[in-house]
Amino acid sequence: MSEGSESERGGAPAREPWVHAIVTAAIMLVVSYSVFVLIPNNLLTYLTVHVNTRARDLLILLWWVAALVFSCWLFVRLQRKGG
């Protein structure tokens, strides 16, 4: 007797593994663009006018460290959820 998917048995449709992979990739792409391009660009533009060079460089460096830690955490979290 063959086992059918949930939709063949009348239940909820089975979720394809590639759907989860596409959703995960899209989330990571949007977050990466926002965290590593969009926000630092706006932050750099704002800080150039309002603070001195040393403070600006320190704040940008702290942003990059926080963004990298957050991105790694998000990647691991999404991988655990999918497995």
N, C-alpha and C. Protein backbone atom coordinates (compact mmCIF):
# COMPACT_ATOMS: atom_id res chain seq x y z
N MET A 1 0.84 -1.17 0.00
CA MET A 1 0.00 0.00 0.00
C MET A 1 0.89 1.24 0.00
N SER A 2 0.68 2.11 -0.92
CA SER A 2 1.53 3.28 -1.02
C SER A 2 0.97 4.39 -0.13
N GLU A 3 1.92 5.16 0.42
CA GLU A 3 1.51 6.28 1.25
C GLU A 3 1.43 7.51 0.38
N GLY A 4 0.30 8.16 0.36
CA GLY A 4 0.13 9.38 -0.43
C GLY A 4 0.42 10.60 0.40
N SER A 5 0.46 11.73 -0.24
CA SER A 5 0.66 12.97 0.50
C SER A 5 -0.62 13.33 1.24
N GLU A 6 -0.52 14.34 2.06
CA GLU A 6 -1.69 14.76 2.84
C GLU A 6 -2.85 15.15 1.94
N SER A 7 -2.55 15.80 0.81
CA SER A 7 -3.64 16.25 -0.06
C SER A 7 -4.34 15.07 -0.71
N GLU A 8 -3.63 13.97 -0.95
CA GLU A 8 -4.27 12.79 -1.53
C GLU A 8 -5.15 12.08 -0.51
N ARG A 9 -4.84 12.22 0.74
CA ARG A 9 -5.63 11.59 1.79
C ARG A 9 -6.73 12.49 2.31
N GLY A 10 -6.84 13.67 1.76
CA GLY A 10 -7.93 14.55 2.15
C GLY A 10 -7.57 15.54 3.23
N GLY A 11 -6.32 15.55 3.69
CA GLY A 11 -5.92 16.50 4.72
C GLY A 11 -5.34 17.76 4.09
N ALA A 12 -4.60 18.48 4.89
CA ALA A 12 -3.96 19.71 4.39
C ALA A 12 -2.85 19.33 3.41
N PRO A 13 -2.59 20.16 2.41
CA PRO A 13 -1.56 19.83 1.43
C PRO A 13 -0.18 19.78 2.08
N ALA A 14 0.63 18.83 1.61
CA ALA A 14 1.98 18.69 2.13
C ALA A 14 2.83 19.87 1.67
N ARG A 15 3.69 20.34 2.53
CA ARG A 15 4.54 21.48 2.18
C ARG A 15 5.79 20.96 1.49
N GLU A 16 6.06 21.49 0.33
CA GLU A 16 7.23 21.07 -0.44
C GLU A 16 8.49 21.64 0.20
N PRO A 17 9.59 20.88 0.20
CA PRO A 17 10.83 21.40 0.81
C PRO A 17 11.40 22.60 0.07
N TRP A 18 11.20 22.68 -1.23
CA TRP A 18 11.74 23.81 -1.99
C TRP A 18 11.01 25.11 -1.67
N VAL A 19 9.75 25.01 -1.25
CA VAL A 19 9.01 26.22 -0.87
C VAL A 19 9.66 26.84 0.36
N HIS A 20 9.99 26.01 1.33
CA HIS A 20 10.66 26.51 2.54
C HIS A 20 12.02 27.12 2.18
N ALA A 21 12.74 26.49 1.28
CA ALA A 21 14.05 27.00 0.87
C ALA A 21 13.93 28.36 0.19
N ILE A 22 12.93 28.52 -0.66
CA ILE A 22 12.74 29.81 -1.35
C ILE A 22 12.35 30.90 -0.35
N VAL A 23 11.48 30.58 0.57
CA VAL A 23 11.06 31.56 1.58
C VAL A 23 12.25 31.96 2.46
N THR A 24 13.04 30.98 2.88
CA THR A 24 14.22 31.26 3.70
C THR A 24 15.21 32.12 2.93
N ALA A 25 15.45 31.79 1.68
CA ALA A 25 16.39 32.57 0.87
C ALA A 25 15.89 34.00 0.67
N ALA A 26 14.60 34.16 0.45
CA ALA A 26 14.05 35.51 0.26
C ALA A 26 14.17 36.33 1.54
N ILE A 27 13.90 35.73 2.67
CA ILE A 27 14.03 36.42 3.95
C ILE A 27 15.47 36.85 4.18
N MET A 28 16.41 35.94 3.95
CA MET A 28 17.82 36.26 4.15
C MET A 28 18.30 37.33 3.18
N LEU A 29 17.81 37.31 1.95
CA LEU A 29 18.20 38.31 0.97
C LEU A 29 17.72 39.71 1.37
N VAL A 30 16.46 39.80 1.78
CA VAL A 30 15.90 41.09 2.19
C VAL A 30 16.60 41.61 3.46
N VAL A 31 16.79 40.74 4.42
CA VAL A 31 17.44 41.15 5.67
C VAL A 31 18.89 41.56 5.40
N SER A 32 19.59 40.79 4.59
CA SER A 32 20.99 41.11 4.29
C SER A 32 21.12 42.45 3.59
N TYR A 33 20.27 42.70 2.61
CA TYR A 33 20.32 43.98 1.91
C TYR A 33 20.03 45.13 2.87
N SER A 34 19.02 44.95 3.70
CA SER A 34 18.66 46.02 4.64
C SER A 34 19.75 46.27 5.67
N VAL A 35 20.28 45.20 6.23
CA VAL A 35 21.22 45.31 7.34
C VAL A 35 22.61 45.73 6.87
N PHE A 36 23.04 45.26 5.70
CA PHE A 36 24.40 45.52 5.26
C PHE A 36 24.54 46.63 4.22
N VAL A 37 23.45 47.10 3.63
CA VAL A 37 23.54 48.14 2.61
C VAL A 37 22.69 49.36 2.97
N LEU A 38 21.41 49.16 3.12
CA LEU A 38 20.48 50.27 3.28
C LEU A 38 20.68 51.04 4.59
N ILE A 39 20.66 50.34 5.70
CA ILE A 39 20.80 51.00 7.00
C ILE A 39 22.18 51.64 7.18
N PRO A 40 23.29 50.95 6.86
CA PRO A 40 24.59 51.63 7.00
C PRO A 40 24.73 52.87 6.12
N ASN A 41 24.17 52.84 4.93
CA ASN A 41 24.23 54.01 4.06
C ASN A 41 23.50 55.19 4.70
N ASN A 42 22.31 54.95 5.19
CA ASN A 42 21.54 56.02 5.86
C ASN A 42 22.23 56.48 7.14
N LEU A 43 22.77 55.53 7.88
CA LEU A 43 23.46 55.86 9.12
C LEU A 43 24.71 56.69 8.83
N LEU A 44 25.45 56.32 7.83
CA LEU A 44 26.65 57.07 7.46
C LEU A 44 26.30 58.48 7.00
N THR A 45 25.26 58.60 6.22
CA THR A 45 24.82 59.92 5.75
C THR A 45 24.42 60.80 6.93
N TYR A 46 23.68 60.26 7.86
CA TYR A 46 23.23 61.03 9.02
C TYR A 46 24.40 61.41 9.93
N LEU A 47 25.24 60.41 10.22
CA LEU A 47 26.32 60.66 11.18
C LEU A 47 27.41 61.58 10.65
N THR A 48 27.60 61.63 9.35
CA THR A 48 28.62 62.51 8.77
C THR A 48 28.35 63.96 9.12
N VAL A 49 27.10 64.33 9.16
CA VAL A 49 26.73 65.72 9.43
C VAL A 49 26.68 66.01 10.93
N HIS A 50 26.32 65.03 11.74
CA HIS A 50 26.00 65.31 13.14
C HIS A 50 27.08 64.97 14.16
N VAL A 51 28.05 64.15 13.84
CA VAL A 51 29.08 63.78 14.83
C VAL A 51 30.47 63.90 14.18
N ASN A 52 31.51 63.84 15.03
CA ASN A 52 32.86 63.90 14.48
C ASN A 52 33.27 62.55 13.88
N THR A 53 34.42 62.53 13.26
CA THR A 53 34.85 61.36 12.49
C THR A 53 35.07 60.13 13.36
N ARG A 54 35.71 60.30 14.50
CA ARG A 54 35.99 59.14 15.36
C ARG A 54 34.69 58.50 15.89
N ALA A 55 33.77 59.33 16.32
CA ALA A 55 32.50 58.79 16.82
C ALA A 55 31.73 58.11 15.69
N ARG A 56 31.74 58.71 14.51
CA ARG A 56 31.05 58.11 13.37
C ARG A 56 31.63 56.74 13.05
N ASP A 57 32.95 56.65 12.99
CA ASP A 57 33.59 55.37 12.67
C ASP A 57 33.30 54.31 13.73
N LEU A 58 33.30 54.72 14.99
CA LEU A 58 32.99 53.77 16.06
C LEU A 58 31.55 53.28 15.96
N LEU A 59 30.62 54.19 15.71
CA LEU A 59 29.21 53.79 15.61
C LEU A 59 28.98 52.88 14.39
N ILE A 60 29.63 53.16 13.28
CA ILE A 60 29.50 52.30 12.10
C ILE A 60 30.07 50.92 12.39
N LEU A 61 31.23 50.88 13.05
CA LEU A 61 31.84 49.59 13.41
C LEU A 61 30.93 48.79 14.33
N LEU A 62 30.35 49.45 15.33
CA LEU A 62 29.43 48.76 16.24
C LEU A 62 28.20 48.25 15.50
N TRP A 63 27.71 49.05 14.53
CA TRP A 63 26.57 48.60 13.73
C TRP A 63 26.93 47.34 12.96
N TRP A 64 28.10 47.31 12.33
CA TRP A 64 28.50 46.15 11.54
C TRP A 64 28.61 44.89 12.41
N VAL A 65 29.18 45.04 13.60
CA VAL A 65 29.30 43.89 14.50
C VAL A 65 27.91 43.40 14.91
N ALA A 66 27.03 44.30 15.31
CA ALA A 66 25.67 43.91 15.69
C ALA A 66 24.92 43.30 14.51
N ALA A 67 25.10 43.85 13.33
CA ALA A 67 24.41 43.33 12.14
C ALA A 67 24.91 41.93 11.80
N LEU A 68 26.20 41.71 11.92
CA LEU A 68 26.75 40.38 11.63
C LEU A 68 26.25 39.34 12.63
N VAL A 69 26.25 39.70 13.90
CA VAL A 69 25.75 38.77 14.93
C VAL A 69 24.27 38.46 14.69
N PHE A 70 23.48 39.50 14.40
CA PHE A 70 22.05 39.29 14.14
C PHE A 70 21.83 38.42 12.90
N SER A 71 22.58 38.65 11.86
CA SER A 71 22.42 37.87 10.62
C SER A 71 22.78 36.40 10.84
N CYS A 72 23.85 36.17 11.59
CA CYS A 72 24.22 34.78 11.90
C CYS A 72 23.16 34.10 12.74
N TRP A 73 22.65 34.82 13.74
CA TRP A 73 21.60 34.26 14.58
C TRP A 73 20.35 33.93 13.75
N LEU A 74 19.97 34.85 12.86
CA LEU A 74 18.79 34.63 12.02
C LEU A 74 18.98 33.44 11.10
N PHE A 75 20.16 33.32 10.51
CA PHE A 75 20.45 32.19 9.62
C PHE A 75 20.33 30.86 10.37
N VAL A 76 20.93 30.78 11.54
CA VAL A 76 20.86 29.55 12.34
C VAL A 76 19.42 29.27 12.74
N ARG A 77 18.70 30.29 13.13
CA ARG A 77 17.29 30.13 13.54
C ARG A 77 16.44 29.60 12.38
N LEU A 78 16.63 30.16 11.20
CA LEU A 78 15.85 29.70 10.03
C LEU A 78 16.25 28.28 9.64
N GLN A 79 17.51 27.93 9.79
CA GLN A 79 17.94 26.57 9.46
C GLN A 79 17.35 25.55 10.44
N ARG A 80 17.31 25.88 11.70
CA ARG A 80 16.73 24.97 12.69
C ARG A 80 15.24 24.76 12.46
N LYS A 81 14.56 25.84 12.10
CA LYS A 81 13.13 25.75 11.86
C LYS A 81 12.80 24.86 10.66
N GLY A 82 13.66 24.89 9.65
CA GLY A 82 13.40 24.13 8.44
C GLY A 82 13.74 22.67 8.57
N GLY A 83 14.62 22.31 9.50
CA GLY A 83 15.11 20.94 9.60
C GLY A 83 14.17 20.12 10.36
